[in-house]
């Protein structure tokens, strides 16, 4: 599933083909991306709320 509704932002989240390919290349799971969106630090949100960027520290 590459589309879901964010509980945090109350909007549908759709991962593009490009995003899915990058996730695959970097071995990043969908669960990790969902966690970042729901729990990461908000660093940018456009005026319409259509584009949101979240960030978190990843320790490997």
PDB file of N, CA and C in Angstrom:
ATOM      1  N   UNK A   1       0.854  -1.189   0.000  1.00  0.00           N
ATOM      2  CA  UNK A   1       0.000   0.000   0.000  1.00  0.00           C
ATOM      3  C   UNK A   1       0.888   1.236   0.000  1.00  0.00           C
ATOM      4  N   UNK A   2       0.793   2.066  -1.017  1.00  0.00           N
ATOM      5  CA  UNK A   2       1.603   3.271  -1.076  1.00  0.00           C
ATOM      6  C   UNK A   2       0.767   4.538  -0.915  1.00  0.00           C
ATOM      7  N   UNK A   3      -0.490   4.377  -0.495  1.00  0.00           N
ATOM      8  CA  UNK A   3      -1.368   5.506  -0.208  1.00  0.00           C
ATOM      9  C   UNK A   3      -2.109   5.222   1.097  1.00  0.00           C
ATOM     10  N   UNK A   4      -2.159   6.206   1.974  1.00  0.00           N
ATOM     11  CA  UNK A   4      -2.885   6.058   3.234  1.00  0.00           C
ATOM     12  C   UNK A   4      -3.247   7.440   3.746  1.00  0.00           C
ATOM     13  N   UNK A   5      -4.125   7.496   4.745  1.00  0.00           N
ATOM     14  CA  UNK A   5      -4.496   8.771   5.347  1.00  0.00           C
ATOM     15  C   UNK A   5      -3.653   8.994   6.592  1.00  0.00           C
ATOM     16  N   UNK A   6      -3.002  10.130   6.631  1.00  0.00           N
ATOM     17  CA  UNK A   6      -2.186  10.482   7.787  1.00  0.00           C
ATOM     18  C   UNK A   6      -3.087  10.930   8.929  1.00  0.00           C
ATOM     19  N   UNK A   7      -2.929  10.297  10.074  1.00  0.00           N
ATOM     20  CA  UNK A   7      -3.664  10.717  11.256  1.00  0.00           C
ATOM     21  C   UNK A   7      -3.173  12.066  11.747  1.00  0.00           C
ATOM     22  N   UNK A   8      -1.898  12.325  11.576  1.00  0.00           N
ATOM     23  CA  UNK A   8      -1.288  13.568  12.047  1.00  0.00           C
ATOM     24  C   UNK A   8      -1.744  14.773  11.228  1.00  0.00           C
ATOM     25  N   UNK A   9      -1.763  14.624   9.905  1.00  0.00           N
ATOM     26  CA  UNK A   9      -2.079  15.755   9.039  1.00  0.00           C
ATOM     27  C   UNK A   9      -3.504  15.714   8.499  1.00  0.00           C
ATOM     28  N   UNK A  10      -4.191  14.585   8.701  1.00  0.00           N
ATOM     29  CA  UNK A  10      -5.570  14.479   8.247  1.00  0.00           C
ATOM     30  C   UNK A  10      -5.721  14.514   6.734  1.00  0.00           C
ATOM     31  N   UNK A  11      -4.688  14.111   6.003  1.00  0.00           N
ATOM     32  CA  UNK A  11      -4.715  14.134   4.541  1.00  0.00           C
ATOM     33  C   UNK A  11      -4.217  12.804   4.000  1.00  0.00           C
ATOM     34  N   UNK A  12      -4.592  12.514   2.747  1.00  0.00           N
ATOM     35  CA  UNK A  12      -4.092  11.328   2.073  1.00  0.00           C
ATOM     36  C   UNK A  12      -2.616  11.527   1.753  1.00  0.00           C
ATOM     37  N   UNK A  13      -1.839  10.486   1.929  1.00  0.00           N
ATOM     38  CA  UNK A  13      -0.420  10.491   1.581  1.00  0.00           C
ATOM     39  C   UNK A  13      -0.264   9.524   0.420  1.00  0.00           C
ATOM     40  N   UNK A  14       0.341  10.008  -0.655  1.00  0.00           N
ATOM     41  CA  UNK A  14       0.595   9.159  -1.819  1.00  0.00           C
ATOM     42  C   UNK A  14       2.080   9.212  -2.130  1.00  0.00           C
ATOM     43  N   UNK A  15       2.713   8.057  -2.138  1.00  0.00           N
ATOM     44  CA  UNK A  15       4.127   7.985  -2.485  1.00  0.00           C
ATOM     45  C   UNK A  15       4.248   7.804  -3.995  1.00  0.00           C
ATOM     46  N   UNK A  16       5.054   8.635  -4.617  1.00  0.00           N
ATOM     47  CA  UNK A  16       5.228   8.563  -6.064  1.00  0.00           C
ATOM     48  C   UNK A  16       6.068   7.350  -6.445  1.00  0.00           C
ATOM     49  N   UNK A  17       6.040   7.033  -7.714  1.00  0.00           N
ATOM     50  CA  UNK A  17       6.874   5.951  -8.248  1.00  0.00           C
ATOM     51  C   UNK A  17       8.339   6.212  -7.898  1.00  0.00           C
ATOM     52  N   UNK A  18       8.769   7.453  -8.086  1.00  0.00           N
ATOM     53  CA  UNK A  18      10.155   7.831  -7.785  1.00  0.00           C
ATOM     54  C   UNK A  18      10.484   7.585  -6.308  1.00  0.00           C
ATOM     55  N   UNK A  19       9.584   7.992  -5.425  1.00  0.00           N
ATOM     56  CA  UNK A  19       9.813   7.793  -3.985  1.00  0.00           C
ATOM     57  C   UNK A  19       9.914   6.306  -3.654  1.00  0.00           C
ATOM     58  N   UNK A  20       9.042   5.508  -4.238  1.00  0.00           N
ATOM     59  CA  UNK A  20       9.073   4.064  -3.978  1.00  0.00           C
ATOM     60  C   UNK A  20      10.376   3.438  -4.462  1.00  0.00           C
ATOM     61  N   UNK A  21      10.867   3.874  -5.613  1.00  0.00           N
ATOM     62  CA  UNK A  21      12.142   3.347  -6.129  1.00  0.00           C
ATOM     63  C   UNK A  21      13.309   3.751  -5.219  1.00  0.00           C
ATOM     64  N   UNK A  22      13.311   4.989  -4.756  1.00  0.00           N
ATOM     65  CA  UNK A  22      14.378   5.446  -3.854  1.00  0.00           C
ATOM     66  C   UNK A  22      14.333   4.681  -2.533  1.00  0.00           C
ATOM     67  N   UNK A  23      13.129   4.448  -2.032  1.00  0.00           N
ATOM     68  CA  UNK A  23      12.992   3.662  -0.798  1.00  0.00           C
ATOM     69  C   UNK A  23      13.593   2.279  -0.994  1.00  0.00           C
ATOM     70  N   UNK A  24      13.302   1.679  -2.131  1.00  0.00           N
ATOM     71  CA  UNK A  24      13.820   0.350  -2.433  1.00  0.00           C
ATOM     72  C   UNK A  24      15.348   0.362  -2.514  1.00  0.00           C
ATOM     73  N   UNK A  25      15.911   1.355  -3.212  1.00  0.00           N
ATOM     74  CA  UNK A  25      17.367   1.475  -3.340  1.00  0.00           C
ATOM     75  C   UNK A  25      18.038   1.631  -1.980  1.00  0.00           C
ATOM     76  N   UNK A  26      17.385   2.363  -1.099  1.00  0.00           N
ATOM     77  CA  UNK A  26      17.973   2.669   0.212  1.00  0.00           C
ATOM     78  C   UNK A  26      17.517   1.707   1.303  1.00  0.00           C
ATOM     79  N   UNK A  27      16.729   0.719   0.919  1.00  0.00           N
ATOM     80  CA  UNK A  27      16.202  -0.284   1.855  1.00  0.00           C
ATOM     81  C   UNK A  27      15.427   0.373   3.006  1.00  0.00           C
ATOM     82  N   UNK A  28      14.557   1.302   2.642  1.00  0.00           N
ATOM     83  CA  UNK A  28      13.714   1.984   3.615  1.00  0.00           C
ATOM     84  C   UNK A  28      12.311   1.401   3.491  1.00  0.00           C
ATOM     85  N   UNK A  29      11.766   0.922   4.581  1.00  0.00           N
ATOM     86  CA  UNK A  29      10.450   0.280   4.546  1.00  0.00           C
ATOM     87  C   UNK A  29       9.326   1.309   4.560  1.00  0.00           C
ATOM     88  N   UNK A  30       8.164   0.869   4.105  1.00  0.00           N
ATOM     89  CA  UNK A  30       6.978   1.710   4.153  1.00  0.00           C
ATOM     90  C   UNK A  30       6.648   2.075   5.596  1.00  0.00           C
ATOM     91  N   UNK A  31       6.836   1.135   6.509  1.00  0.00           N
ATOM     92  CA  UNK A  31       6.575   1.397   7.929  1.00  0.00           C
ATOM     93  C   UNK A  31       7.458   2.531   8.450  1.00  0.00           C
ATOM     94  N   UNK A  32       8.703   2.576   7.995  1.00  0.00           N
ATOM     95  CA  UNK A  32       9.615   3.647   8.414  1.00  0.00           C
ATOM     96  C   UNK A  32       9.138   4.990   7.888  1.00  0.00           C
ATOM     97  N   UNK A  33       8.736   5.034   6.626  1.00  0.00           N
ATOM     98  CA  UNK A  33       8.241   6.284   6.038  1.00  0.00           C
ATOM     99  C   UNK A  33       6.974   6.744   6.757  1.00  0.00           C
ATOM    100  N   UNK A  34       6.065   5.812   7.021  1.00  0.00           N
ATOM    101  CA  UNK A  34       4.835   6.171   7.740  1.00  0.00           C
ATOM    102  C   UNK A  34       5.167   6.718   9.128  1.00  0.00           C
ATOM    103  N   UNK A  35       6.123   6.104   9.815  1.00  0.00           N
ATOM    104  CA  UNK A  35       6.529   6.580  11.138  1.00  0.00           C
ATOM    105  C   UNK A  35       7.123   7.979  11.047  1.00  0.00           C
ATOM    106  N   UNK A  36       7.955   8.231  10.038  1.00  0.00           N
ATOM    107  CA  UNK A  36       8.534   9.568   9.865  1.00  0.00           C
ATOM    108  C   UNK A  36       7.443  10.616   9.653  1.00  0.00           C
ATOM    109  N   UNK A  37       6.460  10.282   8.821  1.00  0.00           N
ATOM    110  CA  UNK A  37       5.384  11.239   8.553  1.00  0.00           C
ATOM    111  C   UNK A  37       4.546  11.492   9.804  1.00  0.00           C
ATOM    112  N   UNK A  38       4.261  10.453  10.546  1.00  0.00           N
ATOM    113  CA  UNK A  38       3.407  10.609  11.727  1.00  0.00           C
ATOM    114  C   UNK A  38       4.154  11.160  12.946  1.00  0.00           C
ATOM    115  N   UNK A  39       5.457  10.920  13.043  1.00  0.00           N
ATOM    116  CA  UNK A  39       6.174  11.269  14.276  1.00  0.00           C
ATOM    117  C   UNK A  39       7.408  12.138  14.092  1.00  0.00           C
ATOM    118  N   UNK A  40       7.825  12.379  12.846  1.00  0.00           N
ATOM    119  CA  UNK A  40       9.020  13.179  12.606  1.00  0.00           C
ATOM    120  C   UNK A  40       8.784  14.648  12.909  1.00  0.00           C
ATOM    121  N   UNK A  41       9.849  15.424  12.965  1.00  0.00           N
ATOM    122  CA  UNK A  41       9.752  16.866  13.202  1.00  0.00           C
ATOM    123  C   UNK A  41       9.349  17.567  11.913  1.00  0.00           C
ATOM    124  N   UNK A  42       8.321  18.394  11.975  1.00  0.00           N
ATOM    125  CA  UNK A  42       7.872  19.160  10.817  1.00  0.00           C
ATOM    126  C   UNK A  42       8.888  20.255  10.528  1.00  0.00           C
ATOM    127  N   UNK A  43       9.464  20.259   9.320  1.00  0.00           N
ATOM    128  CA  UNK A  43      10.430  21.306   8.993  1.00  0.00           C
ATOM    129  C   UNK A  43       9.942  22.225   7.885  1.00  0.00           C
ATOM    130  N   UNK A  44       8.878  21.833   7.168  1.00  0.00           N
ATOM    131  CA  UNK A  44       8.307  22.711   6.150  1.00  0.00           C
ATOM    132  C   UNK A  44       6.892  22.261   5.820  1.00  0.00           C
ATOM    133  N   UNK A  45       5.997  23.212   5.685  1.00  0.00           N
ATOM    134  CA  UNK A  45       4.629  22.933   5.229  1.00  0.00           C
ATOM    135  C   UNK A  45       4.203  24.115   4.371  1.00  0.00           C
ATOM    136  N   UNK A  46       3.794  23.844   3.128  1.00  0.00           N
ATOM    137  CA  UNK A  46       3.409  24.961   2.270  1.00  0.00           C
ATOM    138  C   UNK A  46       2.092  25.576   2.738  1.00  0.00           C
ATOM    139  N   UNK A  47       1.746  26.723   2.172  1.00  0.00           N
ATOM    140  CA  UNK A  47       0.570  27.464   2.627  1.00  0.00           C
ATOM    141  C   UNK A  47      -0.725  26.685   2.476  1.00  0.00           C
ATOM    142  N   UNK A  48      -0.815  25.834   1.450  1.00  0.00           N
ATOM    143  CA  UNK A  48      -2.021  25.040   1.225  1.00  0.00           C
ATOM    144  C   UNK A  48      -2.008  23.746   2.029  1.00  0.00           C
ATOM    145  N   UNK A  49      -0.866  23.396   2.571  1.00  0.00           N
ATOM    146  CA  UNK A  49      -0.756  22.147   3.310  1.00  0.00           C
ATOM    147  C   UNK A  49      -0.681  20.931   2.406  1.00  0.00           C
ATOM    148  N   UNK A  50      -0.353  21.170   1.132  1.00  0.00           N
ATOM    149  CA  UNK A  50      -0.300  20.049   0.195  1.00  0.00           C
ATOM    150  C   UNK A  50       1.061  19.381   0.151  1.00  0.00           C
ATOM    151  N   UNK A  51       2.107  20.096   0.517  1.00  0.00           N
ATOM    152  CA  UNK A  51       3.434  19.507   0.568  1.00  0.00           C
ATOM    153  C   UNK A  51       4.002  19.697   1.958  1.00  0.00           C
ATOM    154  N   UNK A  52       4.403  18.593   2.564  1.00  0.00           N
ATOM    155  CA  UNK A  52       4.928  18.620   3.926  1.00  0.00           C
ATOM    156  C   UNK A  52       6.255  17.871   3.930  1.00  0.00           C
ATOM    157  N   UNK A  53       7.241  18.421   4.620  1.00  0.00           N
ATOM    158  CA  UNK A  53       8.527  17.762   4.770  1.00  0.00           C
ATOM    159  C   UNK A  53       8.737  17.498   6.250  1.00  0.00           C
ATOM    160  N   UNK A  54       9.050  16.256   6.581  1.00  0.00           N
ATOM    161  CA  UNK A  54       9.338  15.908   7.971  1.00  0.00           C
ATOM    162  C   UNK A  54      10.748  15.371   8.051  1.00  0.00           C
ATOM    163  N   UNK A  55      11.322  15.453   9.230  1.00  0.00           N
ATOM    164  CA  UNK A  55      12.690  15.016   9.422  1.00  0.00           C
ATOM    165  C   UNK A  55      12.816  14.388  10.797  1.00  0.00           C
ATOM    166  N   UNK A  56      13.695  13.449  10.903  1.00  0.00           N
ATOM    167  CA  UNK A  56      14.016  12.843  12.184  1.00  0.00           C
ATOM    168  C   UNK A  56      15.458  12.379  12.127  1.00  0.00           C
ATOM    169  N   UNK A  57      16.062  12.199  13.246  1.00  0.00           N
ATOM    170  CA  UNK A  57      17.426  11.697  13.287  1.00  0.00           C
ATOM    171  C   UNK A  57      17.387  10.173  13.182  1.00  0.00           C
ATOM    172  N   UNK A  58      18.170   9.641  12.297  1.00  0.00           N
ATOM    173  CA  UNK A  58      18.242   8.204  12.114  1.00  0.00           C
ATOM    174  C   UNK A  58      19.594   7.733  12.623  1.00  0.00           C
ATOM    175  N   UNK A  59      19.579   6.801  13.542  1.00  0.00           N
ATOM    176  CA  UNK A  59      20.807   6.252  14.096  1.00  0.00           C
ATOM    177  C   UNK A  59      20.952   4.824  13.587  1.00  0.00           C
ATOM    178  N   UNK A  60      22.048   4.574  12.913  1.00  0.00           N
ATOM    179  CA  UNK A  60      22.264   3.232  12.371  1.00  0.00           C
ATOM    180  C   UNK A  60      23.302   2.495  13.172  1.00  0.00           C
TER     181      UNK A  60
END
